Protein backbone atom coordinates (compact mmCIF):
# COMPACT_ATOMS: atom_id res chain seq x y z
CA MET A 1 27.50 -224.46 -132.44
CA ARG A 2 30.92 -224.02 -133.60
CA ARG A 3 30.19 -221.29 -136.26
CA GLY A 4 30.32 -217.64 -135.71
CA PHE A 5 29.44 -214.39 -138.33
CA ASP A 6 31.01 -215.73 -140.97
CA GLY A 7 30.31 -220.15 -140.95
CA LEU A 8 25.99 -218.71 -139.88
CA ALA A 9 26.15 -216.37 -143.24
CA ALA A 10 28.84 -219.71 -145.42
CA GLN A 11 25.68 -221.50 -144.87
CA VAL A 12 21.74 -219.37 -145.40
CA GLN A 13 24.36 -218.62 -148.45
CA HIS A 14 24.72 -222.29 -149.32
CA THR A 15 22.55 -224.86 -147.52
CA LEU A 16 19.05 -222.22 -148.37
CA GLU A 17 20.41 -220.22 -150.97
CA THR A 18 19.34 -216.57 -149.53
CA ASP A 19 21.63 -214.24 -149.25
CA PRO A 20 22.59 -212.94 -145.04
CA PHE A 21 22.46 -209.51 -145.51
CA CYS A 22 18.47 -209.68 -147.06
CA GLY A 23 17.07 -208.48 -143.65
CA HIS A 24 15.52 -211.83 -142.80
CA VAL A 25 16.62 -213.96 -138.85
CA PHE A 26 17.78 -217.20 -139.40
CA VAL A 27 17.53 -219.23 -136.34
CA PHE A 28 20.09 -222.22 -135.70
CA ARG A 29 19.36 -224.97 -133.37
CA GLY A 30 22.18 -227.55 -131.35
CA ARG A 31 21.98 -230.69 -131.87
CA ARG A 32 21.07 -231.33 -128.03
CA GLY A 33 18.46 -228.45 -128.91
CA ASP A 34 19.27 -226.26 -125.88
CA ARG A 35 21.06 -223.96 -127.68
CA LEU A 36 20.10 -221.75 -130.40
CA LYS A 37 22.45 -218.78 -132.73
CA VAL A 38 19.91 -216.21 -134.13
CA LEU A 39 22.48 -214.47 -137.01
CA TRP A 40 20.77 -211.25 -138.46
CA TRP A 41 21.61 -207.99 -140.19
CA SER A 42 21.08 -205.00 -138.68
CA GLY A 43 22.09 -202.30 -141.89
CA ASP A 44 25.16 -202.24 -141.09
CA GLY A 45 26.74 -204.76 -139.97
CA LEU A 46 25.85 -208.84 -138.78
CA CYS A 47 24.18 -209.39 -135.91
CA LEU A 48 24.85 -212.82 -133.35
CA PHE A 49 22.78 -214.10 -130.58
CA MET A 50 23.16 -216.76 -128.67
CA LYS A 51 20.98 -218.43 -126.10
CA ARG A 52 21.07 -221.43 -124.25
CA LEU A 53 18.84 -223.25 -121.52
CA GLU A 54 19.17 -224.45 -118.44
CA GLU A 55 16.03 -226.66 -118.23
CA GLY A 56 14.56 -228.21 -121.38
CA TYR A 57 14.77 -227.58 -124.54
CA PHE A 58 13.76 -225.47 -127.76
CA VAL A 59 11.32 -226.53 -130.01
CA TRP A 60 11.40 -227.23 -133.11
CA PRO A 61 9.40 -226.71 -136.35
CA GLN A 62 9.38 -229.19 -138.81
CA ALA A 63 11.08 -227.68 -142.51
CA ASP A 64 10.42 -230.00 -145.29
CA SER A 65 11.13 -227.56 -147.84
CA GLY A 66 14.95 -226.54 -145.69
CA SER A 67 13.50 -223.17 -144.04
CA VAL A 68 9.98 -221.99 -142.10
CA ALA A 69 8.34 -218.93 -142.45
CA LEU A 70 7.48 -217.88 -138.47
CA SER A 71 5.84 -214.89 -136.77
CA ALA A 72 7.34 -212.22 -134.81
CA ALA A 73 4.93 -213.93 -131.80
CA GLN A 74 6.33 -217.69 -133.31
CA LEU A 75 10.08 -216.26 -133.42
CA ALA A 76 9.50 -214.71 -129.32
CA MET A 77 7.51 -218.49 -128.14
CA LEU A 78 10.53 -219.89 -129.57
CA LEU A 79 13.16 -217.27 -127.78
CA GLU A 80 11.66 -218.19 -124.36
CA GLY A 81 11.53 -221.84 -125.30
CA ILE A 82 7.25 -222.29 -125.36
CA ASP A 83 5.87 -224.18 -127.32
CA TRP A 84 4.76 -221.56 -129.84
CA ARG A 85 2.55 -224.46 -131.99
CA ARG A 86 0.70 -225.03 -128.68
CA PRO A 87 0.21 -221.43 -126.94
CA ARG A 88 -1.43 -221.63 -123.80
CA HIS A 89 -3.21 -218.56 -121.65
CA THR A 90 -1.76 -218.41 -118.03
CA ARG A 91 -5.54 -217.81 -117.32
CA ARG A 92 -9.17 -218.04 -117.94
CA PRO A 93 -10.74 -214.73 -118.20
CA VAL A 94 -14.48 -214.33 -115.61
CA GLN A 95 -17.08 -213.07 -116.12
CA ALA A 96 -18.01 -209.39 -114.86
């Protein structure tokens, strides 16, 4: 997790063979699974967000092809440390 803007953008270009300025969000996870970096192009510059969980780890998708497409809801759950593969409601609806 030592790479910054340029290193992560180069990794997107060479490993994923994608343009880092295309508007997609690219998420990188640390080896232990408790740290994330998110890289995206905002239209006038690259943005970099980093998050470290105090407890637990980020549930990481299996990437057979090198990359995985997530919905906005799945990305939000991933960033919150929620297991986005099996989300559960916090309470059950009660019949009236």
